[in-house]
Amino acid sequence: MHKVLILSDSHGLTTELIEIKERHQADVNIHCGDSELATDAPELAGFTTVRGNCDITSDFPMEEVLEIGGIRFFISHGHMTQVKSTLMNLQYRAKEVGAEIACFGHSHIAYAEKVDDCVFINPGSIRYPNRIKQPSYVILEWETKGAIYITFYDVNGDEIDSLPYEQYFSLL
């Protein structure tokens, strides 16, 4: 079983980052930007982190491409691809790098959708959620490459089951 923690837009939170990471013990931890922490902050140890529009003093990369358990991930904050207006630019970039999963933040809106051959995941914000009341993050799990399962959690570790998104996606 592969397990990936995906979060974004923590905007200076530190204790919560540590608690969430320790709670789930994921194989890979992804932070989609706007941590507002230094690149070497101990709270971000063990996270693959990209730079958000509020990370003005960091040396985080603008994007990352990872292979995890046979699945290619594209990670971006989303501000450079204008995700608040359209997912088209993010979709084009994900396609360029051959991603099957695109993780992004910026809008603070918890979201998951498959478009063409790519699953787009915005874990929301663990500090300032938009459109839902709960600060949120995602755990993504799969046993085989063909089937992934997405669960949204609030910052306290309780599952959010009221979101209008699919939880199961096929990558075949």
N, C-alpha and C. Protein backbone atom coordinates (compact mmCIF):
# COMPACT_ATOMS: atom_id res chain seq x y z
N MET A 1 0.85 -1.18 0.00
CA MET A 1 0.00 0.00 0.00
C MET A 1 0.89 1.24 0.00
N HIS A 2 0.63 2.15 -0.92
CA HIS A 2 1.33 3.43 -0.99
C HIS A 2 0.45 4.49 -0.34
N LYS A 3 1.09 5.39 0.38
CA LYS A 3 0.35 6.43 1.11
C LYS A 3 1.08 7.76 0.97
N VAL A 4 0.35 8.78 0.46
CA VAL A 4 0.92 10.10 0.25
C VAL A 4 0.07 11.13 0.98
N LEU A 5 0.71 11.96 1.78
CA LEU A 5 0.07 13.08 2.45
C LEU A 5 0.25 14.31 1.56
N ILE A 6 -0.86 15.00 1.27
CA ILE A 6 -0.81 16.20 0.45
C ILE A 6 -1.49 17.33 1.21
N LEU A 7 -0.75 18.42 1.42
CA LEU A 7 -1.35 19.59 2.06
C LEU A 7 -0.82 20.84 1.41
N SER A 8 -1.44 21.96 1.75
CA SER A 8 -1.06 23.22 1.13
C SER A 8 -1.49 24.38 2.02
N ASP A 9 -0.95 25.53 1.73
CA ASP A 9 -1.40 26.78 2.30
C ASP A 9 -1.52 26.74 3.82
N SER A 10 -0.41 26.37 4.47
CA SER A 10 -0.38 26.33 5.93
C SER A 10 -0.10 27.71 6.52
N HIS A 11 0.41 28.63 5.73
CA HIS A 11 0.57 30.04 6.11
C HIS A 11 1.10 30.24 7.52
N GLY A 12 2.27 29.67 7.79
CA GLY A 12 2.95 29.90 9.05
C GLY A 12 2.67 28.90 10.14
N LEU A 13 1.70 28.02 9.97
CA LEU A 13 1.43 27.01 11.00
C LEU A 13 2.62 26.07 11.12
N THR A 14 2.93 25.67 12.34
CA THR A 14 4.06 24.76 12.55
C THR A 14 3.62 23.51 13.31
N THR A 15 2.97 23.68 14.45
CA THR A 15 2.54 22.55 15.26
C THR A 15 1.64 21.61 14.44
N GLU A 16 0.73 22.19 13.67
CA GLU A 16 -0.20 21.39 12.86
C GLU A 16 0.54 20.57 11.81
N LEU A 17 1.58 21.14 11.20
CA LEU A 17 2.35 20.39 10.21
C LEU A 17 2.96 19.13 10.84
N ILE A 18 3.53 19.29 12.01
CA ILE A 18 4.15 18.15 12.70
C ILE A 18 3.09 17.13 13.08
N GLU A 19 1.98 17.59 13.65
CA GLU A 19 0.92 16.68 14.09
C GLU A 19 0.35 15.88 12.92
N ILE A 20 0.08 16.55 11.82
CA ILE A 20 -0.50 15.86 10.65
C ILE A 20 0.49 14.83 10.11
N LYS A 21 1.75 15.22 9.99
CA LYS A 21 2.78 14.31 9.48
C LYS A 21 2.91 13.08 10.38
N GLU A 22 2.95 13.29 11.68
CA GLU A 22 3.09 12.18 12.62
C GLU A 22 1.83 11.32 12.68
N ARG A 23 0.68 11.92 12.51
CA ARG A 23 -0.60 11.20 12.58
C ARG A 23 -0.69 10.13 11.48
N HIS A 24 -0.21 10.45 10.29
CA HIS A 24 -0.44 9.56 9.15
C HIS A 24 0.77 8.71 8.75
N GLN A 25 1.96 9.12 9.09
CA GLN A 25 3.16 8.34 8.76
C GLN A 25 3.13 7.89 7.29
N ALA A 26 2.96 8.84 6.39
CA ALA A 26 2.88 8.54 4.96
C ALA A 26 4.25 8.21 4.39
N ASP A 27 4.24 7.54 3.24
CA ASP A 27 5.49 7.23 2.53
C ASP A 27 6.13 8.50 1.99
N VAL A 28 5.29 9.42 1.52
CA VAL A 28 5.74 10.68 0.95
C VAL A 28 4.83 11.80 1.46
N ASN A 29 5.43 12.93 1.83
CA ASN A 29 4.69 14.11 2.29
C ASN A 29 4.91 15.23 1.29
N ILE A 30 3.81 15.82 0.82
CA ILE A 30 3.87 16.88 -0.17
C ILE A 30 3.23 18.15 0.40
N HIS A 31 3.94 19.27 0.27
CA HIS A 31 3.39 20.57 0.64
C HIS A 31 3.35 21.41 -0.64
N CYS A 32 2.14 21.81 -1.04
CA CYS A 32 1.94 22.52 -2.31
C CYS A 32 2.12 24.03 -2.19
N GLY A 33 2.90 24.48 -1.25
CA GLY A 33 3.28 25.88 -1.19
C GLY A 33 2.50 26.75 -0.23
N ASP A 34 3.03 27.95 -0.02
CA ASP A 34 2.55 28.92 0.95
C ASP A 34 2.66 28.39 2.38
N SER A 35 3.81 27.79 2.68
CA SER A 35 4.10 27.43 4.07
C SER A 35 4.47 28.68 4.85
N GLU A 36 5.06 29.64 4.17
CA GLU A 36 5.60 30.86 4.76
C GLU A 36 6.68 30.54 5.80
N LEU A 37 7.35 29.41 5.62
CA LEU A 37 8.45 29.00 6.49
C LEU A 37 9.74 28.98 5.69
N ALA A 38 10.85 29.02 6.40
CA ALA A 38 12.15 28.93 5.75
C ALA A 38 12.33 27.55 5.14
N THR A 39 13.14 27.49 4.11
CA THR A 39 13.40 26.23 3.42
C THR A 39 13.90 25.16 4.38
N ASP A 40 14.68 25.56 5.38
CA ASP A 40 15.24 24.58 6.32
C ASP A 40 14.44 24.48 7.63
N ALA A 41 13.20 24.95 7.65
CA ALA A 41 12.37 24.87 8.85
C ALA A 41 12.20 23.41 9.26
N PRO A 42 12.42 23.08 10.52
CA PRO A 42 12.31 21.68 10.95
C PRO A 42 10.91 21.10 10.75
N GLU A 43 9.89 21.95 10.77
CA GLU A 43 8.52 21.47 10.57
C GLU A 43 8.29 20.94 9.16
N LEU A 44 9.12 21.39 8.21
CA LEU A 44 8.99 20.92 6.83
C LEU A 44 9.92 19.75 6.51
N ALA A 45 10.67 19.29 7.50
CA ALA A 45 11.55 18.13 7.28
C ALA A 45 10.69 16.95 6.84
N GLY A 46 11.12 16.30 5.79
CA GLY A 46 10.37 15.16 5.27
C GLY A 46 9.29 15.52 4.27
N PHE A 47 9.13 16.80 3.98
CA PHE A 47 8.16 17.24 2.97
C PHE A 47 8.87 17.59 1.67
N THR A 48 8.28 17.22 0.56
CA THR A 48 8.63 17.79 -0.74
C THR A 48 7.78 19.03 -0.84
N THR A 49 8.42 20.20 -0.92
CA THR A 49 7.70 21.47 -0.85
C THR A 49 8.02 22.32 -2.06
N VAL A 50 6.98 22.95 -2.61
CA VAL A 50 7.16 23.91 -3.69
C VAL A 50 6.87 25.31 -3.19
N ARG A 51 7.28 26.28 -3.96
CA ARG A 51 7.14 27.68 -3.57
C ARG A 51 5.77 28.22 -3.95
N GLY A 52 5.15 28.87 -2.99
CA GLY A 52 3.89 29.56 -3.25
C GLY A 52 4.10 31.05 -3.38
N ASN A 53 3.06 31.77 -3.71
CA ASN A 53 3.17 33.21 -3.89
C ASN A 53 3.47 33.95 -2.59
N CYS A 54 3.22 33.34 -1.44
CA CYS A 54 3.54 33.97 -0.15
C CYS A 54 4.88 33.51 0.41
N ASP A 55 5.57 32.62 -0.29
CA ASP A 55 6.87 32.12 0.14
C ASP A 55 7.98 32.98 -0.47
N ILE A 56 7.93 34.25 -0.25
CA ILE A 56 8.81 35.18 -0.96
C ILE A 56 10.27 35.10 -0.54
N THR A 57 10.57 34.57 0.64
CA THR A 57 11.96 34.50 1.07
C THR A 57 12.53 33.09 1.01
N SER A 58 11.84 32.18 0.34
CA SER A 58 12.28 30.78 0.34
C SER A 58 13.06 30.43 -0.93
N ASP A 59 13.74 29.31 -0.84
CA ASP A 59 14.45 28.76 -1.99
C ASP A 59 13.75 27.51 -2.53
N PHE A 60 12.48 27.34 -2.20
CA PHE A 60 11.76 26.17 -2.71
C PHE A 60 11.67 26.25 -4.23
N PRO A 61 11.67 25.10 -4.90
CA PRO A 61 11.47 25.13 -6.35
C PRO A 61 10.03 25.53 -6.69
N MET A 62 9.82 26.05 -7.86
CA MET A 62 8.48 26.45 -8.28
C MET A 62 7.59 25.25 -8.57
N GLU A 63 8.20 24.14 -8.97
CA GLU A 63 7.44 22.92 -9.22
C GLU A 63 8.34 21.71 -9.02
N GLU A 64 7.71 20.57 -8.85
CA GLU A 64 8.43 19.30 -8.69
C GLU A 64 7.70 18.23 -9.49
N VAL A 65 8.47 17.26 -9.96
CA VAL A 65 7.91 16.07 -10.59
C VAL A 65 8.49 14.88 -9.83
N LEU A 66 7.61 14.02 -9.32
CA LEU A 66 8.03 12.85 -8.54
C LEU A 66 7.42 11.59 -9.11
N GLU A 67 8.16 10.50 -9.02
CA GLU A 67 7.63 9.16 -9.30
C GLU A 67 7.42 8.50 -7.96
N ILE A 68 6.19 8.12 -7.66
CA ILE A 68 5.87 7.48 -6.40
C ILE A 68 5.05 6.23 -6.70
N GLY A 69 5.60 5.07 -6.36
CA GLY A 69 4.86 3.83 -6.55
C GLY A 69 4.35 3.63 -7.96
N GLY A 70 5.15 4.04 -8.94
CA GLY A 70 4.77 3.86 -10.34
C GLY A 70 3.86 4.93 -10.90
N ILE A 71 3.57 5.96 -10.11
CA ILE A 71 2.69 7.05 -10.55
C ILE A 71 3.51 8.34 -10.61
N ARG A 72 3.33 9.08 -11.70
CA ARG A 72 4.07 10.34 -11.89
C ARG A 72 3.22 11.50 -11.36
N PHE A 73 3.80 12.26 -10.42
CA PHE A 73 3.15 13.40 -9.78
C PHE A 73 3.75 14.70 -10.28
N PHE A 74 2.91 15.69 -10.53
CA PHE A 74 3.34 17.06 -10.77
C PHE A 74 2.85 17.89 -9.59
N ILE A 75 3.76 18.68 -8.99
CA ILE A 75 3.43 19.46 -7.82
C ILE A 75 3.74 20.93 -8.11
N SER A 76 2.75 21.78 -7.88
CA SER A 76 2.88 23.21 -8.11
C SER A 76 1.96 23.92 -7.14
N HIS A 77 2.28 25.15 -6.79
CA HIS A 77 1.35 25.89 -5.94
C HIS A 77 0.11 26.28 -6.75
N GLY A 78 0.32 26.67 -7.99
CA GLY A 78 -0.80 27.00 -8.87
C GLY A 78 -0.90 28.47 -9.24
N HIS A 79 -0.19 29.32 -8.52
CA HIS A 79 -0.31 30.75 -8.83
C HIS A 79 0.30 31.09 -10.19
N MET A 80 1.32 30.36 -10.60
CA MET A 80 1.95 30.62 -11.89
C MET A 80 1.11 30.12 -13.07
N THR A 81 0.15 29.25 -12.78
CA THR A 81 -0.74 28.74 -13.83
C THR A 81 -2.17 29.25 -13.66
N GLN A 82 -2.33 30.27 -12.84
CA GLN A 82 -3.62 30.96 -12.65
C GLN A 82 -4.78 30.02 -12.29
N VAL A 83 -4.56 29.11 -11.33
CA VAL A 83 -5.61 28.14 -10.99
C VAL A 83 -6.87 28.75 -10.40
N LYS A 84 -6.80 29.98 -9.96
CA LYS A 84 -8.03 30.63 -9.46
C LYS A 84 -8.98 30.98 -10.59
N SER A 85 -8.47 31.02 -11.83
CA SER A 85 -9.29 31.35 -12.98
C SER A 85 -9.63 30.15 -13.84
N THR A 86 -8.64 29.24 -14.00
CA THR A 86 -8.82 28.10 -14.88
C THR A 86 -7.82 27.01 -14.52
N LEU A 87 -8.18 25.78 -14.79
CA LEU A 87 -7.22 24.68 -14.61
C LEU A 87 -6.50 24.34 -15.91
N MET A 88 -6.86 25.04 -17.00
CA MET A 88 -6.31 24.70 -18.30
C MET A 88 -4.79 24.78 -18.33
N ASN A 89 -4.21 25.84 -17.80
CA ASN A 89 -2.75 25.99 -17.82
C ASN A 89 -2.07 24.90 -16.99
N LEU A 90 -2.64 24.59 -15.83
CA LEU A 90 -2.11 23.50 -15.00
C LEU A 90 -2.24 22.17 -15.74
N GLN A 91 -3.35 21.99 -16.40
CA GLN A 91 -3.57 20.76 -17.17
C GLN A 91 -2.52 20.63 -18.28
N TYR A 92 -2.24 21.70 -18.99
CA TYR A 92 -1.21 21.66 -20.04
C TYR A 92 0.16 21.32 -19.46
N ARG A 93 0.49 21.95 -18.33
CA ARG A 93 1.81 21.70 -17.72
C ARG A 93 1.91 20.27 -17.21
N ALA A 94 0.86 19.77 -16.60
CA ALA A 94 0.86 18.38 -16.13
C ALA A 94 1.03 17.42 -17.30
N LYS A 95 0.38 17.72 -18.40
CA LYS A 95 0.52 16.88 -19.59
C LYS A 95 1.94 16.93 -20.14
N GLU A 96 2.54 18.12 -20.15
CA GLU A 96 3.92 18.27 -20.64
C GLU A 96 4.90 17.38 -19.89
N VAL A 97 4.70 17.23 -18.59
CA VAL A 97 5.64 16.43 -17.78
C VAL A 97 5.17 14.98 -17.62
N GLY A 98 4.06 14.63 -18.26
CA GLY A 98 3.57 13.26 -18.22
C GLY A 98 2.97 12.85 -16.89
N ALA A 99 2.40 13.81 -16.16
CA ALA A 99 1.85 13.52 -14.83
C ALA A 99 0.51 12.80 -14.92
N GLU A 100 0.33 11.89 -13.99
CA GLU A 100 -0.96 11.21 -13.82
C GLU A 100 -1.74 11.83 -12.66
N ILE A 101 -1.01 12.51 -11.77
CA ILE A 101 -1.63 13.23 -10.66
C ILE A 101 -0.98 14.61 -10.58
N ALA A 102 -1.80 15.66 -10.52
CA ALA A 102 -1.32 17.02 -10.36
C ALA A 102 -1.81 17.55 -9.03
N CYS A 103 -0.88 17.94 -8.17
CA CYS A 103 -1.21 18.47 -6.84
C CYS A 103 -0.94 19.98 -6.86
N PHE A 104 -1.89 20.74 -6.33
CA PHE A 104 -1.75 22.19 -6.32
C PHE A 104 -2.52 22.79 -5.16
N GLY A 105 -2.29 24.06 -4.91
CA GLY A 105 -2.98 24.78 -3.84
C GLY A 105 -3.48 26.11 -4.36
N HIS A 106 -3.14 27.17 -3.65
CA HIS A 106 -3.37 28.57 -4.00
C HIS A 106 -4.81 29.03 -3.78
N SER A 107 -5.81 28.32 -4.24
CA SER A 107 -7.19 28.78 -4.10
C SER A 107 -7.79 28.46 -2.74
N HIS A 108 -7.14 27.57 -1.98
CA HIS A 108 -7.62 27.13 -0.66
C HIS A 108 -8.92 26.35 -0.75
N ILE A 109 -9.28 25.88 -1.94
CA ILE A 109 -10.52 25.14 -2.15
C ILE A 109 -10.20 23.65 -2.28
N ALA A 110 -10.73 22.85 -1.36
CA ALA A 110 -10.54 21.40 -1.41
C ALA A 110 -11.23 20.87 -2.67
N TYR A 111 -10.47 20.07 -3.45
CA TYR A 111 -10.95 19.72 -4.78
C TYR A 111 -10.25 18.46 -5.28
N ALA A 112 -10.99 17.61 -5.97
CA ALA A 112 -10.40 16.47 -6.67
C ALA A 112 -11.24 16.15 -7.89
N GLU A 113 -10.56 15.98 -9.02
CA GLU A 113 -11.27 15.69 -10.27
C GLU A 113 -10.30 15.05 -11.26
N LYS A 114 -10.82 14.13 -12.05
CA LYS A 114 -10.02 13.56 -13.12
C LYS A 114 -10.41 14.25 -14.42
N VAL A 115 -9.40 14.76 -15.11
CA VAL A 115 -9.59 15.40 -16.41
C VAL A 115 -8.67 14.68 -17.38
N ASP A 116 -9.25 14.10 -18.42
CA ASP A 116 -8.50 13.28 -19.36
C ASP A 116 -7.77 12.18 -18.59
N ASP A 117 -6.45 12.15 -18.65
CA ASP A 117 -5.69 11.08 -18.01
C ASP A 117 -5.00 11.52 -16.72
N CYS A 118 -5.43 12.62 -16.14
CA CYS A 118 -4.76 13.16 -14.95
C CYS A 118 -5.77 13.47 -13.85
N VAL A 119 -5.42 13.11 -12.62
CA VAL A 119 -6.24 13.45 -11.46
C VAL A 119 -5.67 14.73 -10.84
N PHE A 120 -6.51 15.74 -10.69
CA PHE A 120 -6.11 17.01 -10.11
C PHE A 120 -6.59 17.05 -8.66
N ILE A 121 -5.65 17.37 -7.76
CA ILE A 121 -5.97 17.38 -6.33
C ILE A 121 -5.51 18.69 -5.72
N ASN A 122 -6.44 19.42 -5.14
CA ASN A 122 -6.13 20.57 -4.30
C ASN A 122 -6.59 20.17 -2.90
N PRO A 123 -5.65 20.05 -1.95
CA PRO A 123 -6.03 19.61 -0.61
C PRO A 123 -6.75 20.67 0.21
N GLY A 124 -6.92 21.86 -0.34
CA GLY A 124 -7.50 22.96 0.42
C GLY A 124 -6.40 23.64 1.22
N SER A 125 -6.76 24.23 2.33
CA SER A 125 -5.80 24.93 3.19
C SER A 125 -5.96 24.44 4.62
N ILE A 126 -4.83 24.18 5.29
CA ILE A 126 -4.94 23.79 6.70
C ILE A 126 -5.04 25.02 7.61
N ARG A 127 -5.02 26.21 7.04
CA ARG A 127 -5.16 27.42 7.86
C ARG A 127 -6.38 28.26 7.48
N TYR A 128 -6.54 28.56 6.19
CA TYR A 128 -7.61 29.44 5.74
C TYR A 128 -8.45 28.76 4.66
N PRO A 129 -9.36 27.87 5.03
CA PRO A 129 -10.15 27.17 4.01
C PRO A 129 -11.09 28.12 3.27
N ASN A 130 -11.37 27.77 2.04
CA ASN A 130 -12.27 28.55 1.19
C ASN A 130 -13.40 27.63 0.74
N ARG A 131 -14.62 28.07 0.88
CA ARG A 131 -15.85 27.38 0.49
C ARG A 131 -16.29 26.28 1.44
N ILE A 132 -15.40 25.74 2.24
CA ILE A 132 -15.82 24.83 3.31
C ILE A 132 -15.27 25.41 4.61
N LYS A 133 -15.86 25.01 5.72
CA LYS A 133 -15.45 25.57 7.01
C LYS A 133 -14.20 24.91 7.57
N GLN A 134 -13.99 23.63 7.23
CA GLN A 134 -12.88 22.90 7.83
C GLN A 134 -11.56 23.12 7.10
N PRO A 135 -10.50 23.46 7.85
CA PRO A 135 -9.17 23.40 7.25
C PRO A 135 -8.93 21.95 6.80
N SER A 136 -8.33 21.76 5.63
CA SER A 136 -8.28 20.40 5.08
C SER A 136 -6.94 20.03 4.48
N TYR A 137 -6.75 18.72 4.36
CA TYR A 137 -5.61 18.12 3.68
C TYR A 137 -6.06 16.76 3.15
N VAL A 138 -5.18 16.08 2.39
CA VAL A 138 -5.54 14.84 1.70
C VAL A 138 -4.57 13.73 2.05
N ILE A 139 -5.11 12.53 2.16
CA ILE A 139 -4.32 11.31 2.13
C ILE A 139 -4.73 10.56 0.87
N LEU A 140 -3.73 10.24 0.06
CA LEU A 140 -3.93 9.52 -1.20
C LEU A 140 -3.32 8.14 -1.02
N GLU A 141 -4.08 7.08 -1.32
CA GLU A 141 -3.60 5.71 -1.13
C GLU A 141 -3.90 4.86 -2.35
N TRP A 142 -3.02 3.87 -2.60
CA TRP A 142 -3.26 2.90 -3.65
C TRP A 142 -2.40 1.67 -3.42
N GLU A 143 -2.93 0.55 -3.90
CA GLU A 143 -2.16 -0.69 -3.86
C GLU A 143 -1.55 -0.97 -5.22
N THR A 144 -2.37 -0.79 -6.25
CA THR A 144 -1.88 -0.95 -7.61
C THR A 144 -2.06 0.38 -8.33
N LYS A 145 -1.26 0.59 -9.34
CA LYS A 145 -1.28 1.87 -10.05
C LYS A 145 -2.66 2.22 -10.61
N GLY A 146 -3.46 1.25 -10.91
CA GLY A 146 -4.72 1.51 -11.59
C GLY A 146 -5.81 2.13 -10.76
N ALA A 147 -5.74 2.08 -9.43
CA ALA A 147 -6.83 2.55 -8.59
C ALA A 147 -6.29 3.34 -7.41
N ILE A 148 -6.69 4.61 -7.33
CA ILE A 148 -6.25 5.44 -6.20
C ILE A 148 -7.47 5.85 -5.38
N TYR A 149 -7.25 6.08 -4.10
CA TYR A 149 -8.32 6.47 -3.19
C TYR A 149 -7.91 7.74 -2.47
N ILE A 150 -8.77 8.76 -2.52
CA ILE A 150 -8.49 10.07 -1.94
C ILE A 150 -9.41 10.30 -0.75
N THR A 151 -8.82 10.67 0.38
CA THR A 151 -9.61 11.01 1.56
C THR A 151 -9.21 12.40 2.04
N PHE A 152 -10.20 13.27 2.20
CA PHE A 152 -9.97 14.59 2.76
C PHE A 152 -10.17 14.52 4.28
N TYR A 153 -9.27 15.18 5.01
CA TYR A 153 -9.35 15.24 6.47
C TYR A 153 -9.33 16.68 6.92
N ASP A 154 -9.94 16.95 8.09
CA ASP A 154 -9.77 18.26 8.69
C ASP A 154 -8.48 18.26 9.50
N VAL A 155 -8.09 19.40 9.99
CA VAL A 155 -6.80 19.55 10.65
C VAL A 155 -6.68 18.69 11.92
N ASN A 156 -7.81 18.26 12.47
CA ASN A 156 -7.80 17.41 13.66
C ASN A 156 -7.74 15.93 13.32
N GLY A 157 -7.73 15.60 12.04
CA GLY A 157 -7.64 14.21 11.62
C GLY A 157 -8.97 13.52 11.41
N ASP A 158 -10.06 14.27 11.42
CA ASP A 158 -11.38 13.69 11.17
C ASP A 158 -11.68 13.74 9.67
N GLU A 159 -12.20 12.64 9.14
CA GLU A 159 -12.51 12.58 7.72
C GLU A 159 -13.62 13.57 7.37
N ILE A 160 -13.44 14.27 6.25
CA ILE A 160 -14.47 15.17 5.73
C ILE A 160 -15.19 14.40 4.63
N ASP A 161 -16.42 14.00 4.90
CA ASP A 161 -17.13 13.20 3.90
C ASP A 161 -18.24 13.99 3.21
N SER A 162 -18.29 15.29 3.45
CA SER A 162 -19.36 16.11 2.87
C SER A 162 -18.96 16.80 1.57
N LEU A 163 -17.73 16.57 1.10
CA LEU A 163 -17.30 17.22 -0.13
C LEU A 163 -17.91 16.53 -1.35
N PRO A 164 -18.27 17.30 -2.37
CA PRO A 164 -18.95 16.72 -3.54
C PRO A 164 -17.99 16.14 -4.59
N TYR A 165 -16.95 15.46 -4.14
CA TYR A 165 -15.96 14.93 -5.06
C TYR A 165 -15.86 13.43 -4.93
N GLU A 166 -15.48 12.81 -6.01
CA GLU A 166 -15.22 11.38 -5.99
C GLU A 166 -14.03 11.10 -5.08
N GLN A 167 -14.02 9.92 -4.48
CA GLN A 167 -12.88 9.52 -3.66
C GLN A 167 -12.04 8.44 -4.35
N TYR A 168 -12.60 7.79 -5.33
CA TYR A 168 -11.91 6.72 -6.03
C TYR A 168 -11.71 7.12 -7.47
N PHE A 169 -10.48 6.92 -7.98
CA PHE A 169 -10.19 7.23 -9.37
C PHE A 169 -9.40 6.09 -9.99
N SER A 170 -9.66 5.80 -11.24
CA SER A 170 -8.89 4.83 -11.99
C SER A 170 -7.88 5.58 -12.84
N LEU A 171 -6.64 5.09 -12.83
CA LEU A 171 -5.60 5.70 -13.66
C LEU A 171 -5.38 4.90 -14.95
N LEU A 172 -6.24 3.97 -15.21
CA LEU A 172 -6.08 3.16 -16.44
C LEU A 172 -6.77 3.82 -17.61
